[in-house]
C-alpha atoms as a PDB file:
ATOM      1  CA  MET A   1     -10.837  -4.509  -6.216  1.00  0.00           C
ATOM      2  CA  LYS A   2      -8.083  -2.561  -7.923  1.00  0.00           C
ATOM      3  CA  LYS A   3      -4.455  -3.689  -8.191  1.00  0.00           C
ATOM      4  CA  VAL A   4      -1.503  -1.276  -8.532  1.00  0.00           C
ATOM      5  CA  GLN A   5       2.263  -1.522  -8.106  1.00  0.00           C
ATOM      6  CA  ILE A   6       3.907   0.693  -5.516  1.00  0.00           C
ATOM      7  CA  SER A   7       7.455   1.358  -4.401  1.00  0.00           C
ATOM      8  CA  LEU A   8       8.310   1.827  -0.715  1.00  0.00           C
ATOM      9  CA  ASN A   9      12.085   2.148  -0.775  1.00  0.00           C
ATOM     10  CA  SER A  10      12.685   4.260   2.353  1.00  0.00           C
ATOM     11  CA  ILE A  11      11.572   4.331   5.982  1.00  0.00           C
ATOM     12  CA  ASP A  12       9.985   7.775   5.563  1.00  0.00           C
ATOM     13  CA  LYS A  13       8.040   6.570   2.521  1.00  0.00           C
ATOM     14  CA  VAL A  14       6.670   3.594   4.467  1.00  0.00           C
ATOM     15  CA  LYS A  15       5.579   5.832   7.360  1.00  0.00           C
ATOM     16  CA  SER A  16       3.833   8.362   5.117  1.00  0.00           C
ATOM     17  CA  PHE A  17       2.209   5.540   3.090  1.00  0.00           C
ATOM     18  CA  VAL A  18       0.699   3.951   6.223  1.00  0.00           C
ATOM     19  CA  ASN A  19      -0.491   7.370   7.459  1.00  0.00           C
ATOM     20  CA  ASP A  20      -2.099   8.147   4.083  1.00  0.00           C
ATOM     21  CA  ILE A  21      -3.988   4.872   3.646  1.00  0.00           C
ATOM     22  CA  SER A  22      -5.051   4.674   7.298  1.00  0.00           C
ATOM     23  CA  LYS A  23      -7.379   7.614   6.616  1.00  0.00           C
ATOM     24  CA  PHE A  24      -9.538   5.346   4.448  1.00  0.00           C
ATOM     25  CA  ASP A  25     -12.080   2.868   5.750  1.00  0.00           C
ATOM     26  CA  CYS A  26     -11.418   0.208   3.093  1.00  0.00           C
ATOM     27  CA  ASP A  27      -8.942  -2.700   3.163  1.00  0.00           C
ATOM     28  CA  PHE A  28      -5.506  -2.724   1.543  1.00  0.00           C
ATOM     29  CA  ASP A  29      -3.365  -5.832   0.979  1.00  0.00           C
ATOM     30  CA  LEU A  30       0.321  -5.763   0.046  1.00  0.00           C
ATOM     31  CA  VAL A  31       1.561  -8.750  -1.951  1.00  0.00           C
ATOM     32  CA  SER A  32       5.215  -9.715  -2.292  1.00  0.00           C
ATOM     33  CA  GLY A  33       5.699 -13.150  -3.815  1.00  0.00           C
ATOM     34  CA  ARG A  34       3.626 -15.552  -1.742  1.00  0.00           C
ATOM     35  CA  TYR A  35       3.270 -13.172   1.206  1.00  0.00           C
ATOM     36  CA  VAL A  36       0.114 -11.106   1.704  1.00  0.00           C
ATOM     37  CA  ILE A  37      -0.019  -8.594   4.543  1.00  0.00           C
ATOM     38  CA  ASP A  38      -2.320  -5.816   5.720  1.00  0.00           C
ATOM     39  CA  ALA A  39      -0.931  -2.621   4.157  1.00  0.00           C
ATOM     40  CA  LYS A  40      -1.966  -0.606   7.223  1.00  0.00           C
ATOM     41  CA  SER A  41       0.502  -2.605   9.352  1.00  0.00           C
ATOM     42  CA  ILE A  42       3.863  -0.834   9.466  1.00  0.00           C
ATOM     43  CA  MET A  43       5.512  -3.884  11.070  1.00  0.00           C
ATOM     44  CA  GLY A  44       4.088  -6.122   8.348  1.00  0.00           C
ATOM     45  CA  ILE A  45       5.458  -3.865   5.620  1.00  0.00           C
ATOM     46  CA  PHE A  46       8.955  -3.981   7.104  1.00  0.00           C
ATOM     47  CA  SER A  47       8.828  -7.795   6.988  1.00  0.00           C
ATOM     48  CA  LEU A  48       8.662  -7.643   3.166  1.00  0.00           C
ATOM     49  CA  ASP A  49      11.433  -7.192   0.590  1.00  0.00           C
ATOM     50  CA  LEU A  50      11.172  -3.441  -0.061  1.00  0.00           C
ATOM     51  CA  SER A  51      13.917  -3.379  -2.707  1.00  0.00           C
ATOM     52  CA  ARG A  52      11.368  -4.408  -5.360  1.00  0.00           C
ATOM     53  CA  PRO A  53       7.966  -2.951  -6.241  1.00  0.00           C
ATOM     54  CA  LEU A  54       5.017  -4.432  -4.335  1.00  0.00           C
ATOM     55  CA  ASP A  55       1.516  -5.239  -5.555  1.00  0.00           C
ATOM     56  CA  LEU A  56      -1.181  -3.337  -3.665  1.00  0.00           C
ATOM     57  CA  ASN A  57      -4.745  -4.661  -3.739  1.00  0.00           C
ATOM     58  CA  VAL A  58      -7.233  -1.917  -2.927  1.00  0.00           C
ATOM     59  CA  HIS A  59     -10.667  -3.083  -1.783  1.00  0.00           C
ATOM     60  CA  ALA A  60     -12.440   0.269  -2.207  1.00  0.00           C
ATOM     61  CA  GLU A  61     -15.922   0.747  -3.603  1.00  0.00           C
ATOM     62  CA  ASP A  62     -17.171   4.275  -2.958  1.00  0.00           C
ATOM     63  CA  ASP A  63     -14.005   6.341  -2.596  1.00  0.00           C
ATOM     64  CA  ALA A  64     -11.813   4.569  -5.184  1.00  0.00           C
ATOM     65  CA  GLU A  65     -10.860   7.791  -7.005  1.00  0.00           C
ATOM     66  CA  GLU A  66      -9.863   9.481  -3.742  1.00  0.00           C
ATOM     67  CA  VAL A  67      -7.758   6.439  -2.778  1.00  0.00           C
ATOM     68  CA  MET A  68      -5.968   6.434  -6.139  1.00  0.00           C
ATOM     69  CA  GLU A  69      -5.182  10.140  -5.758  1.00  0.00           C
ATOM     70  CA  ALA A  70      -3.616   9.470  -2.334  1.00  0.00           C
ATOM     71  CA  LEU A  71      -1.505   6.628  -3.787  1.00  0.00           C
ATOM     72  CA  LYS A  72       0.077   8.702  -6.595  1.00  0.00           C
ATOM     73  CA  PRO A  73       3.359   9.447  -4.750  1.00  0.00           C
ATOM     74  CA  TYR A  74       3.946   5.709  -4.219  1.00  0.00           C
ATOM     75  CA  LEU A  75       3.135   4.295  -7.663  1.00  0.00           C
ATOM     76  CA  ALA A  76       6.026   2.354  -9.192  1.00  0.00           C
END
């Protein structure tokens, strides 16, 4: 598992983020305080406080480098 901080401070950024990570077969968890949601759930993301950076847990084994490349535009 890899943990990174991301920033999703606009509606367009949230939509493109979900589209980008949905291409991968691994699991992604977004953590904000005590809340943990599936990062592929656009409704779940909008239930979080998006004014602050979020912790993203990436559960990728084989394609970890490809996942990290896709996440570059969102890194905080």
